[in-house]
Protein backbone atom coordinates (compact mmCIF):
# COMPACT_ATOMS: atom_id res chain seq x y z
CA MET A 1 24.68 180.73 21.32
CA SER A 2 25.88 176.58 21.64
CA PRO A 3 23.53 174.54 22.98
CA ARG A 4 26.47 174.04 25.57
CA ILE A 5 26.40 177.52 26.61
CA VAL A 6 22.31 177.25 26.60
CA PHE A 7 22.60 173.99 28.74
CA LEU A 8 24.99 174.89 30.99
CA ALA A 9 22.91 178.31 31.87
CA LEU A 10 20.27 176.38 32.74
CA LEU A 11 22.36 174.18 35.52
CA LEU A 12 23.74 177.98 36.46
CA ALA A 13 20.17 179.28 36.96
CA GLY A 14 18.72 179.64 40.43
CA CYS A 15 21.98 178.88 42.25
CA GLY A 16 22.72 179.65 45.45
CA ALA A 17 19.27 179.76 47.30
CA LYS A 18 19.26 177.66 50.16
CA ASP A 19 17.49 174.36 50.59
CA GLY A 20 15.32 173.48 53.61
CA ASP A 21 12.29 171.41 51.85
CA PRO A 22 10.97 168.54 53.73
CA GLY A 23 10.34 165.40 51.30
CA ALA A 24 12.28 163.01 49.36
CA THR A 25 14.38 163.49 46.16
CA LEU A 26 13.82 161.49 43.12
CA ARG A 27 16.83 160.41 41.33
CA ALA A 28 15.89 160.31 37.87
CA ASP A 29 18.28 158.70 34.82
CA ILE A 30 17.22 160.56 31.45
CA VAL A 31 18.68 158.84 28.08
CA GLY A 32 19.91 161.33 26.02
CA HIS A 33 22.58 163.99 25.58
CA GLU A 34 23.23 166.76 28.57
CA THR A 35 24.94 169.19 25.75
CA SER A 36 22.07 169.00 23.35
CA ASP A 37 19.66 171.98 22.89
CA THR A 38 17.01 169.78 22.37
CA GLY A 39 17.87 166.29 23.87
CA ALA A 40 15.37 164.71 26.38
CA PRO A 41 17.82 166.00 29.54
CA ARG A 42 17.87 168.99 28.87
CA ARG A 43 13.84 169.04 28.26
CA ALA A 44 13.38 167.53 31.78
CA ILE A 45 15.15 170.17 33.32
CA VAL A 46 13.21 173.06 31.64
CA ALA A 47 9.76 171.29 32.42
CA ALA A 48 10.74 171.42 36.23
CA THR A 49 12.30 174.98 36.08
CA GLN A 50 10.05 177.00 34.11
CA VAL A 51 6.51 176.63 32.92
CA GLY A 52 4.55 177.99 29.38
CA LEU A 53 1.05 179.65 29.27
CA THR A 54 -0.42 176.18 29.88
CA SER A 55 1.31 172.61 31.54
CA PHE A 56 0.64 168.90 31.13
CA ASP A 57 -1.10 167.22 34.30
CA GLY A 58 1.15 163.49 34.99
CA ALA A 59 -1.34 162.31 32.88
CA GLY A 60 -0.42 164.25 29.34
CA GLN A 61 -3.33 166.32 29.78
CA VAL A 62 -3.50 170.13 29.29
CA VAL A 63 -3.87 172.30 32.19
CA PRO A 64 -3.88 175.78 33.17
CA GLY A 65 0.24 177.49 33.55
CA LEU A 66 0.84 181.07 33.66
CA ALA A 67 -2.43 181.03 31.69
CA SER A 68 -5.13 181.01 34.70
CA SER A 69 -7.68 180.54 32.06
CA TRP A 70 -8.60 181.10 27.93
CA ARG A 71 -11.42 181.65 25.38
CA ILE A 72 -11.46 180.90 22.07
CA ALA A 73 -12.79 183.55 19.78
CA ASP A 74 -13.38 184.90 16.06
CA ASN A 75 -14.23 181.16 15.00
CA GLY A 76 -11.26 179.95 16.08
CA LEU A 77 -8.64 182.26 14.44
CA SER A 78 -7.74 183.75 18.05
CA VAL A 79 -7.20 182.53 21.76
CA ILE A 80 -7.05 185.13 24.26
CA PHE A 81 -5.48 183.85 27.74
CA ARG A 82 -5.51 185.38 30.93
CA LEU A 83 -2.32 185.21 32.85
CA ARG A 84 -2.44 184.56 37.09
CA PRO A 85 -0.46 186.99 38.96
CA ARG A 86 2.70 185.39 38.96
CA ALA A 87 6.29 186.70 39.92
CA TRP A 88 9.98 186.41 38.96
CA PRO A 89 12.22 185.27 41.62
CA ASP A 90 13.09 188.94 41.84
CA GLY A 91 9.58 189.81 42.84
CA LYS A 92 8.79 192.06 39.60
CA PRO A 93 5.35 190.82 38.39
CA VAL A 94 5.31 188.66 35.31
CA THR A 95 3.17 190.19 32.57
CA ALA A 96 1.87 189.58 28.65
CA THR A 97 4.89 191.73 27.61
CA ASP A 98 7.50 189.17 29.16
CA VAL A 99 5.07 186.41 27.29
CA VAL A 100 5.21 188.10 24.05
CA ALA A 101 8.73 188.78 24.46
CA SER A 102 9.46 184.90 24.92
CA PHE A 103 7.70 184.11 21.73
CA ARG A 104 9.38 186.32 19.35
CA ARG A 105 12.56 185.56 20.53
CA ALA A 106 11.72 181.50 19.62
CA ALA A 107 10.66 182.54 16.25
CA GLN A 108 14.00 184.71 15.79
CA PRO A 109 16.55 183.44 12.95
CA GLY A 110 19.23 181.54 14.40
CA SER A 111 16.91 180.33 17.19
CA HIS A 112 17.28 177.04 18.89
CA ASN A 113 13.65 176.42 19.18
CA ALA A 114 13.25 172.45 17.91
CA LEU A 115 9.42 173.57 17.69
CA ARG A 116 10.04 177.55 15.84
CA PRO A 117 8.69 175.26 12.64
CA LEU A 118 5.20 175.22 14.18
CA LEU A 119 4.95 178.47 14.52
CA LEU A 120 3.86 178.21 11.13
CA GLY A 121 0.50 177.99 11.60
CA PHE A 122 0.63 181.60 13.75
CA GLU A 123 -0.61 184.92 12.22
CA ASN A 124 1.77 185.84 9.48
CA GLY A 125 3.75 183.30 11.04
CA ALA A 126 5.25 182.03 7.22
CA GLU A 127 6.04 185.34 6.43
CA VAL A 128 8.06 185.30 10.27
CA LEU A 129 9.74 182.34 9.98
CA SER A 130 10.89 183.06 6.39
CA GLY A 131 12.47 186.48 7.46
CA ALA A 132 9.61 188.01 4.80
CA LYS A 133 8.06 189.94 7.84
CA PRO A 134 10.23 191.18 11.67
CA VAL A 135 9.42 188.75 14.58
CA SER A 136 7.42 191.49 15.87
CA ALA A 137 4.71 190.87 13.39
CA LEU A 138 3.81 187.35 15.23
CA GLY A 139 0.97 186.79 16.30
CA VAL A 140 1.32 187.16 19.62
CA GLY A 141 0.00 190.26 21.38
CA ALA A 142 -0.32 191.86 25.18
CA PRO A 143 -3.43 194.10 24.75
CA VAL A 144 -2.76 194.37 28.92
CA ASP A 145 -0.59 193.71 31.34
CA ASN A 146 -2.66 190.54 32.43
CA VAL A 147 -3.93 189.10 28.88
CA VAL A 148 -2.46 187.15 26.17
CA GLU A 149 -3.94 187.13 22.64
CA VAL A 150 -2.50 184.71 19.89
CA ARG A 151 -4.08 185.24 16.78
CA LEU A 152 -3.92 182.07 14.16
CA ALA A 153 -3.46 181.65 10.45
CA GLY A 154 -5.67 178.74 10.39
CA ALA A 155 -7.22 176.02 12.57
CA MET A 156 -4.69 174.92 15.11
CA PRO A 157 -6.17 172.60 17.43
CA TYR A 158 -2.64 171.54 18.91
CA LEU A 159 -2.33 174.71 20.20
CA LEU A 160 -2.93 174.78 23.89
CA ALA A 161 -0.55 171.19 24.01
CA LEU A 162 2.03 172.98 21.70
CA LEU A 163 2.14 175.73 24.63
CA ALA A 164 2.90 173.11 27.19
CA GLU A 165 5.72 172.17 25.48
CA PRO A 166 9.21 173.08 27.42
CA GLU A 167 10.34 174.58 23.84
CA PHE A 168 7.16 177.38 24.93
CA ALA A 169 8.11 177.99 28.38
CA VAL A 170 8.15 181.40 29.20
CA THR A 171 11.53 182.54 30.20
CA ARG A 172 13.26 185.85 30.38
CA PRO A 173 16.17 186.24 27.96
CA GLY A 174 19.68 186.45 29.03
CA VAL A 175 22.31 183.30 29.99
CA ARG A 176 20.73 182.54 33.35
CA PRO A 177 17.14 182.67 33.16
CA PRO A 178 15.26 182.90 36.82
CA PRO A 179 13.14 180.06 37.49
CA LEU A 180 9.42 180.22 37.05
CA GLY A 181 8.29 175.89 37.70
CA PRO A 182 8.42 174.69 40.98
CA PHE A 183 12.16 173.80 40.72
CA ARG A 184 15.35 175.88 41.10
CA ILE A 185 18.84 174.48 39.75
CA VAL A 186 21.32 174.07 42.52
CA ASP A 187 24.08 172.57 41.45
CA SER A 188 25.94 173.13 38.05
CA ASP A 189 28.98 171.25 38.95
CA LYS A 190 28.70 167.71 39.07
CA VAL A 191 26.41 164.94 37.68
CA PRO A 192 23.53 164.49 38.52
CA VAL A 193 22.45 168.00 38.18
CA MET A 194 20.67 168.39 41.52
CA LEU A 195 17.16 170.45 41.38
CA ALA A 196 15.11 172.08 44.64
CA ARG A 197 11.98 173.62 45.42
CA ASN A 198 11.56 177.08 43.82
CA PRO A 199 10.63 179.13 47.00
CA ALA A 200 9.14 181.47 44.40
CA ALA A 201 7.24 179.56 43.01
CA VAL A 202 3.18 179.25 43.37
CA PRO A 203 2.68 176.33 45.83
CA ASN A 204 1.11 173.10 44.22
CA PRO A 205 -0.18 170.52 46.85
CA LYS A 206 0.61 167.68 43.48
CA VAL A 207 4.40 168.54 43.89
CA THR A 208 5.96 166.44 47.51
CA LEU A 209 9.44 165.95 46.12
CA ALA A 210 11.81 168.18 47.98
CA GLY A 211 14.50 167.31 45.08
CA ILE A 212 15.39 166.03 41.66
CA ALA A 213 18.76 164.53 40.92
CA LEU A 214 19.05 163.97 37.01
CA THR A 215 20.99 162.14 35.28
CA PRO A 216 22.16 162.52 31.61
CA ALA A 217 22.67 159.46 29.95
CA GLU A 218 24.67 158.90 26.88
CA ASP A 219 24.43 154.71 27.16
CA PRO A 220 21.53 153.52 27.97
CA GLY A 221 22.65 150.49 29.39
CA THR A 222 24.57 152.04 32.06
CA ALA A 223 21.41 153.52 33.47
CA ILE A 224 19.48 150.38 33.10
CA ALA A 225 22.33 148.59 34.80
CA ARG A 226 22.17 151.44 37.94
CA PHE A 227 18.64 150.99 38.09
CA ALA A 228 19.17 147.37 38.94
CA ARG A 229 21.61 148.13 41.19
CA ASP A 230 18.88 150.30 42.96
CA ARG A 231 20.98 153.52 42.57
CA THR A 232 18.09 155.37 40.71
CA ASP A 233 14.35 155.43 41.14
CA LEU A 234 13.53 155.74 37.37
CA VAL A 235 15.04 155.44 33.49
CA ILE A 236 13.60 157.06 30.68
CA GLY A 237 14.57 155.78 27.83
CA HIS A 238 14.98 158.14 24.22
CA GLY A 239 14.07 156.13 21.27
CA LEU A 240 14.59 152.17 20.83
CA ALA A 241 18.22 151.99 21.91
CA GLY A 242 18.16 150.13 25.58
CA PHE A 243 14.64 148.54 24.89
CA GLY A 244 15.95 144.90 24.44
CA ASP A 245 18.07 145.57 27.80
CA ALA A 246 15.38 147.18 29.47
CA ARG A 247 13.70 143.90 29.01
CA LEU A 248 16.08 141.58 29.73
CA LEU A 249 17.41 143.32 33.15
CA ALA A 250 14.40 144.96 34.79
CA ALA A 251 11.39 143.06 36.20
CA SER A 252 8.51 142.91 34.52
CA ASN A 253 6.39 145.07 37.29
CA ALA A 254 9.03 148.09 36.63
CA LEU A 255 8.88 148.64 33.12
CA HIS A 256 6.55 150.55 31.52
CA VAL A 257 5.92 150.32 27.78
CA GLU A 258 4.09 153.23 25.98
CA PRO A 259 2.76 153.62 22.48
CA SER A 260 4.21 156.92 21.05
CA TRP A 261 3.52 159.46 18.39
CA ALA A 262 6.99 158.60 16.15
CA VAL A 263 8.80 157.14 13.41
CA TYR A 264 11.18 155.08 13.15
CA GLY A 265 13.59 154.17 9.56
CA TYR A 266 16.32 155.41 7.74
CA LEU A 267 16.82 158.86 6.02
CA ALA A 268 17.69 158.73 3.02
CA ASN A 269 20.62 161.49 1.17
CA THR A 270 19.22 162.91 -2.04
CA THR A 271 22.10 164.92 -2.95
CA HIS A 272 24.33 162.41 -4.63
CA GLY A 273 25.06 158.76 -4.72
CA PRO A 274 21.96 155.88 -5.79
CA LEU A 275 19.92 157.24 -3.14
CA ALA A 276 19.74 160.63 -5.48
CA ASP A 277 17.75 158.12 -8.03
CA VAL A 278 13.88 157.91 -6.22
CA ARG A 279 13.67 154.74 -8.15
CA VAL A 280 15.80 153.25 -5.97
CA ARG A 281 14.73 155.03 -2.90
CA ARG A 282 11.16 153.50 -3.62
CA ALA A 283 12.45 150.30 -4.39
CA LEU A 284 14.15 149.72 -0.80
CA SER A 285 10.87 151.20 0.70
CA MET A 286 8.36 148.56 -1.14
CA ALA A 287 11.12 145.84 -0.54
CA ILE A 288 10.30 145.68 3.36
CA ASP A 289 8.54 143.70 5.20
CA ARG A 290 7.08 145.58 8.22
CA ASP A 291 4.42 143.45 9.57
CA ASP A 292 5.45 141.68 13.16
CA LEU A 293 8.79 143.04 12.64
CA GLY A 294 8.42 144.22 16.55
CA SER A 295 7.27 141.43 17.50
CA ARG A 296 9.94 138.50 15.97
CA LEU A 297 12.76 141.10 17.34
CA PHE A 298 11.31 142.57 20.72
CA GLY A 299 8.34 140.67 21.77
CA VAL A 300 6.07 143.85 21.45
CA ALA A 301 4.22 145.32 18.32
CA LEU A 302 5.33 147.79 16.70
CA PRO A 303 2.81 149.33 14.77
CA PRO A 304 4.28 149.22 10.54
CA VAL A 305 4.41 152.83 9.32
CA LEU A 306 4.07 153.44 5.22
CA GLY A 307 4.32 157.39 5.05
CA LEU A 308 5.82 160.04 7.01
CA VAL A 309 3.24 160.71 9.22
CA PRO A 310 2.54 157.54 11.86
CA SER A 311 -1.01 157.35 13.28
CA LEU A 312 -1.95 159.96 15.97
CA PRO A 313 -5.42 160.82 17.82
CA SER A 314 -6.00 163.40 15.04
CA GLU A 315 -5.48 161.91 12.01
CA ARG A 316 -7.36 161.05 9.18
CA VAL A 317 -6.71 157.70 7.57
CA PRO A 318 -2.92 157.92 6.90
CA ALA A 319 -1.39 158.42 3.54
CA LEU A 320 -0.39 155.54 1.83
CA PRO A 321 2.42 155.23 -1.22
CA ASP A 322 0.64 153.99 -4.32
CA TRP A 323 2.34 150.36 -4.13
CA ALA A 324 0.75 149.72 -0.72
CA ILE A 325 -2.00 148.05 -2.22
CA SER A 326 -0.27 145.64 -4.08
CA ALA A 327 0.73 142.05 -2.60
CA PRO A 328 4.11 141.29 -1.31
CA ALA A 329 4.93 139.46 -4.21
CA ALA A 330 4.21 142.00 -6.39
CA ARG A 331 5.95 144.84 -4.51
CA LEU A 332 9.40 142.74 -4.76
CA ASP A 333 8.93 142.61 -8.66
CA LEU A 334 8.39 146.15 -9.06
CA ALA A 335 11.27 146.77 -6.78
CA ARG A 336 13.66 144.66 -8.91
CA GLN A 337 12.20 146.79 -11.84
CA LEU A 338 13.22 149.56 -10.56
CA LEU A 339 17.07 149.10 -10.06
CA ALA A 340 17.01 147.70 -13.22
CA ALA A 341 15.78 150.87 -14.92
CA ALA A 342 17.97 152.90 -12.13
CA GLY A 343 21.09 150.68 -13.80
CA PHE A 344 21.10 147.69 -11.52
CA SER A 345 21.40 144.26 -11.77
CA ALA A 346 22.55 140.76 -10.76
CA THR A 347 25.95 141.31 -12.13
CA ALA A 348 26.00 144.97 -11.08
CA PRO A 349 24.21 144.78 -8.20
CA LEU A 350 23.43 148.00 -5.43
CA THR A 351 25.53 148.28 -2.44
CA VAL A 352 23.67 150.51 0.37
CA THR A 353 25.61 151.45 3.74
CA ILE A 354 23.32 152.29 6.90
CA SER A 355 24.24 154.81 9.18
CA LEU A 356 23.94 153.62 12.88
CA PRO A 357 23.77 154.87 16.20
CA ASP A 358 25.36 152.19 18.07
CA ALA A 359 23.02 150.89 20.19
CA ARG A 360 21.70 146.89 20.12
CA GLU A 361 18.80 147.43 18.92
CA HIS A 362 19.05 149.46 16.09
CA THR A 363 21.70 146.71 14.52
CA MET A 364 18.86 144.07 15.02
CA VAL A 365 16.41 146.42 12.90
CA ALA A 366 19.14 146.88 10.18
CA THR A 367 20.08 142.95 10.22
CA GLU A 368 16.45 141.83 9.35
CA ILE A 369 16.21 144.90 6.71
CA ALA A 370 19.04 143.79 5.00
CA ALA A 371 17.59 140.09 4.73
CA ASP A 372 14.14 142.03 2.67
CA TRP A 373 16.37 144.23 0.64
CA ALA A 374 18.97 140.81 -0.60
CA ARG A 375 15.74 139.32 -1.79
CA ILE A 376 16.07 142.04 -4.37
CA GLY A 377 19.74 141.65 -5.00
CA VAL A 378 20.48 144.65 -2.72
CA ARG A 379 23.57 143.94 -0.49
CA THR A 380 23.66 146.32 2.81
CA GLN A 381 26.70 147.35 5.02
CA THR A 382 26.18 149.60 8.04
CA VAL A 383 28.70 152.30 9.85
CA THR A 384 27.87 152.45 13.60
CA ARG A 385 28.48 155.67 15.86
CA PRO A 386 28.26 157.40 19.78
CA ASP A 387 24.86 159.06 19.32
CA THR A 388 26.56 162.21 19.28
CA LEU A 389 28.76 161.45 16.36
CA HIS A 390 25.79 159.69 13.63
CA ALA A 391 24.01 163.21 14.63
CA GLN A 392 27.10 165.15 13.24
CA ALA A 393 27.53 162.91 10.33
CA ILE A 394 23.62 163.22 9.50
CA ALA A 395 24.12 167.05 9.90
CA ARG A 396 27.36 167.12 7.67
CA GLY A 397 25.65 165.09 4.90
CA ASP A 398 27.72 161.68 5.71
CA TYR A 399 25.93 159.03 5.04
CA GLU A 400 23.66 157.36 2.55
CA LEU A 401 20.92 155.95 4.82
CA ALA A 402 20.89 157.25 8.37
CA LEU A 403 18.35 155.68 11.25
CA VAL A 404 15.85 158.47 12.51
CA GLU A 405 13.86 157.99 14.91
CA ARG A 406 11.19 161.72 14.43
CA SER A 407 8.79 161.94 17.26
CA GLY A 408 6.26 165.35 17.40
CA ILE A 409 3.29 166.08 18.74
CA ASP A 410 -0.65 165.59 17.39
CA SER A 411 -0.65 166.99 14.10
CA PRO A 412 0.47 165.89 10.95
CA LEU A 413 2.81 168.82 10.35
CA ALA A 414 4.92 168.51 13.22
CA PHE A 415 6.31 165.33 10.57
CA LEU A 416 5.61 166.69 7.21
CA LEU A 417 7.59 170.39 7.61
CA PRO A 418 11.17 168.33 8.43
CA TYR A 419 10.96 167.48 4.66
CA THR A 420 9.89 171.28 3.99
CA CYS A 421 12.60 173.27 1.39
CA ALA A 422 13.47 175.74 4.76
CA ALA A 423 14.75 172.12 6.75
CA LYS A 424 16.98 171.27 3.77
CA THR A 425 16.47 167.82 5.44
CA ALA A 426 18.38 165.13 3.43
CA GLY A 427 18.37 168.16 0.60
CA TYR A 428 14.97 167.11 -0.61
CA CYS A 429 13.06 170.01 -1.71
CA ASN A 430 9.64 170.04 -3.46
CA PRO A 431 8.48 173.86 -3.77
CA ALA A 432 4.78 172.56 -5.28
CA ALA A 433 4.19 170.84 -1.58
CA ASP A 434 5.56 173.53 0.36
CA THR A 435 2.67 175.82 -1.07
CA ILE A 436 -0.02 173.68 -0.10
CA VAL A 437 1.74 173.34 3.47
CA GLU A 438 1.39 177.28 4.06
CA SER A 439 -1.84 176.84 2.47
CA ALA A 440 -3.53 174.36 4.57
CA ALA A 441 -1.31 175.81 7.69
CA ALA A 442 -4.01 179.16 7.17
CA THR A 443 -7.09 176.91 6.24
CA ALA A 444 -9.60 177.50 8.80
CA ASP A 445 -11.70 174.39 8.43
CA PRO A 446 -10.00 171.79 9.83
CA THR A 447 -11.39 169.07 7.08
CA ALA A 448 -10.12 171.09 4.91
CA GLN A 449 -6.84 171.43 6.37
CA ALA A 450 -6.47 167.93 7.11
CA ALA A 451 -7.42 167.38 3.31
CA ALA A 452 -4.35 169.42 1.92
CA LEU A 453 -1.83 167.81 4.27
CA GLY A 454 -2.78 164.31 2.96
CA LEU A 455 -1.93 165.35 -0.34
CA VAL A 456 1.59 167.04 0.97
CA GLU A 457 2.25 163.77 2.63
CA VAL A 458 1.27 161.81 -0.84
CA ALA A 459 3.85 164.39 -2.96
CA MET A 460 6.33 163.56 -0.11
CA ILE A 461 5.83 160.08 -0.22
CA ALA A 462 5.98 159.34 -3.84
CA HIS A 463 9.56 161.20 -3.39
CA THR A 464 10.90 158.86 -0.40
CA PRO A 465 13.10 161.22 0.78
CA PHE A 466 12.80 159.05 4.35
CA ILE A 467 12.19 155.05 4.39
CA PRO A 468 9.60 154.59 7.05
CA LEU A 469 9.42 151.24 9.33
CA PHE A 470 7.46 151.54 12.16
CA ALA A 471 6.04 153.66 15.21
CA PRO A 472 8.70 152.95 18.05
CA VAL A 473 7.22 152.23 21.46
CA ARG A 474 8.80 154.42 24.53
CA TRP A 475 9.85 152.40 27.56
CA THR A 476 10.85 153.64 30.84
CA LEU A 477 11.74 151.85 34.17
CA VAL A 478 9.81 153.24 37.01
CA ALA A 479 10.63 151.73 40.67
CA ARG A 480 7.67 150.80 42.68
CA ARG A 481 8.62 153.14 44.99
CA VAL A 482 7.90 155.86 42.59
CA THR A 483 4.23 157.02 42.74
CA GLY A 484 2.45 159.59 40.27
CA TRP A 485 3.19 157.88 36.94
CA THR A 486 0.69 157.26 34.76
CA ASN A 487 1.12 155.82 30.97
CA ASN A 488 0.07 158.00 28.40
CA ALA A 489 0.71 158.38 24.12
CA ALA A 490 1.79 161.26 24.55
CA GLY A 491 4.68 161.10 26.55
CA HIS A 492 4.35 163.78 28.66
CA HIS A 493 5.80 162.51 32.02
CA PRO A 494 6.56 165.89 34.68
CA LEU A 495 9.08 164.76 36.94
CA ALA A 496 7.67 167.70 39.09
CA LEU A 497 4.78 165.75 39.70
CA LEU A 498 6.18 162.37 40.93
CA GLY A 499 6.67 161.53 44.68
CA ILE A 500 8.43 158.89 46.51
CA GLU A 501 6.21 156.90 48.27
CA GLY A 502 7.13 157.10 52.47
CA GLY A 503 9.43 160.18 51.80
CA ARG A 504 12.44 158.70 51.04
CA SER A 505 15.27 160.04 50.09
CA GLU A 506 18.75 158.80 49.01
CA SER A 507 22.01 160.39 47.84
CA ARG A 508 24.07 158.71 45.20
């Protein structure tokens, strides 16, 4: 099923019911593509209209969802969830069998679920994801109608948070999944997408809105301008694009800036051209001065990242490349030597092209990086495209270096799995590293697991399939009348739990 069809199916879900809930309508612009299967607008809609075994509260903490409670058994390898009584809109009870079926759909080959690779941590997860075993072998079972057991292959401390992500909401099959969450979609014919209270949902005193008018905003500048004209209550950014304009155009008390679990950098095409040579990739990475880059460009600290995994609450000391201990001048000398060994010199200089989404912030960063590379004799040119075309170019392999902002959950695996052979990212494949990844996922000792994943990251860093720059911030514009917004590094801000002071409700 195409991403467009999936999105329209969500829009159609719940159509036809009558409105009438008291309260206000929150106007929210979310930067991203409405047709993207993994885009921020669609994820926000799923989070408001569906629910998983667990959920996030307004501060980003895990709270019960469909499960009223859970307990851990078998030395952490079994997590048993007890379902609270819930019914689908047609009155049929939500059962453990429904939950199991939902997980199996997420795990099946061809699934569009962006977090599917993290099912590697489930019992038989590696075999199911590779196709060696059927999805029925995945470690999720229904011993009785109101109990779900998740069996794990190894330590998975992030499980409860993973199950709260929109990708693992419990849904029925079909193109029009009925809503279990506090809201339903009532208008699929225009933008904004209109959400109204779901009369079949369990009452929640923390849900005070009558509706949500959600506008997918491919251009962050347009959303920021609408906020400045009081045409929307909330603008949720996606990545660095728009951050500079938000700082310039919005009142300082409206701009919320949060650290993020993300990495901003350039994906290297390892299949052909000069970037197929690991010496070139390593030279480019070690020549970059990452210190104070964010402060110089945007007036905010952007923590430098030298590996594939950003700083995480659960992360041990991040893995670093072998050249990280060298002084800046020594790095530049080594970078020049690597380029010379690869056949490039002052008379035969290397020219690289960076593919960028069309945003001023990305161009500003690329200009700084080009100045760094000029110090080792590298010439840089850029190609900018709209976000959709940029993503398509990456999918086709039509790039030398391409900007990627990779975000994830509080687990190194979320940032390492994109570089496994199965992911086929940029043509990179390291079978030895893959073997360690699978072994680590099946390791019950969290300390031993972390050590193994550290070895994987070191091996991947040596090959440099990705040139990291920094951990980007997450930005949001929040009107003063919006209540319930709490900054958190995880970036979880359920729209359903926000409110409007004084019950204000306006049309567009």
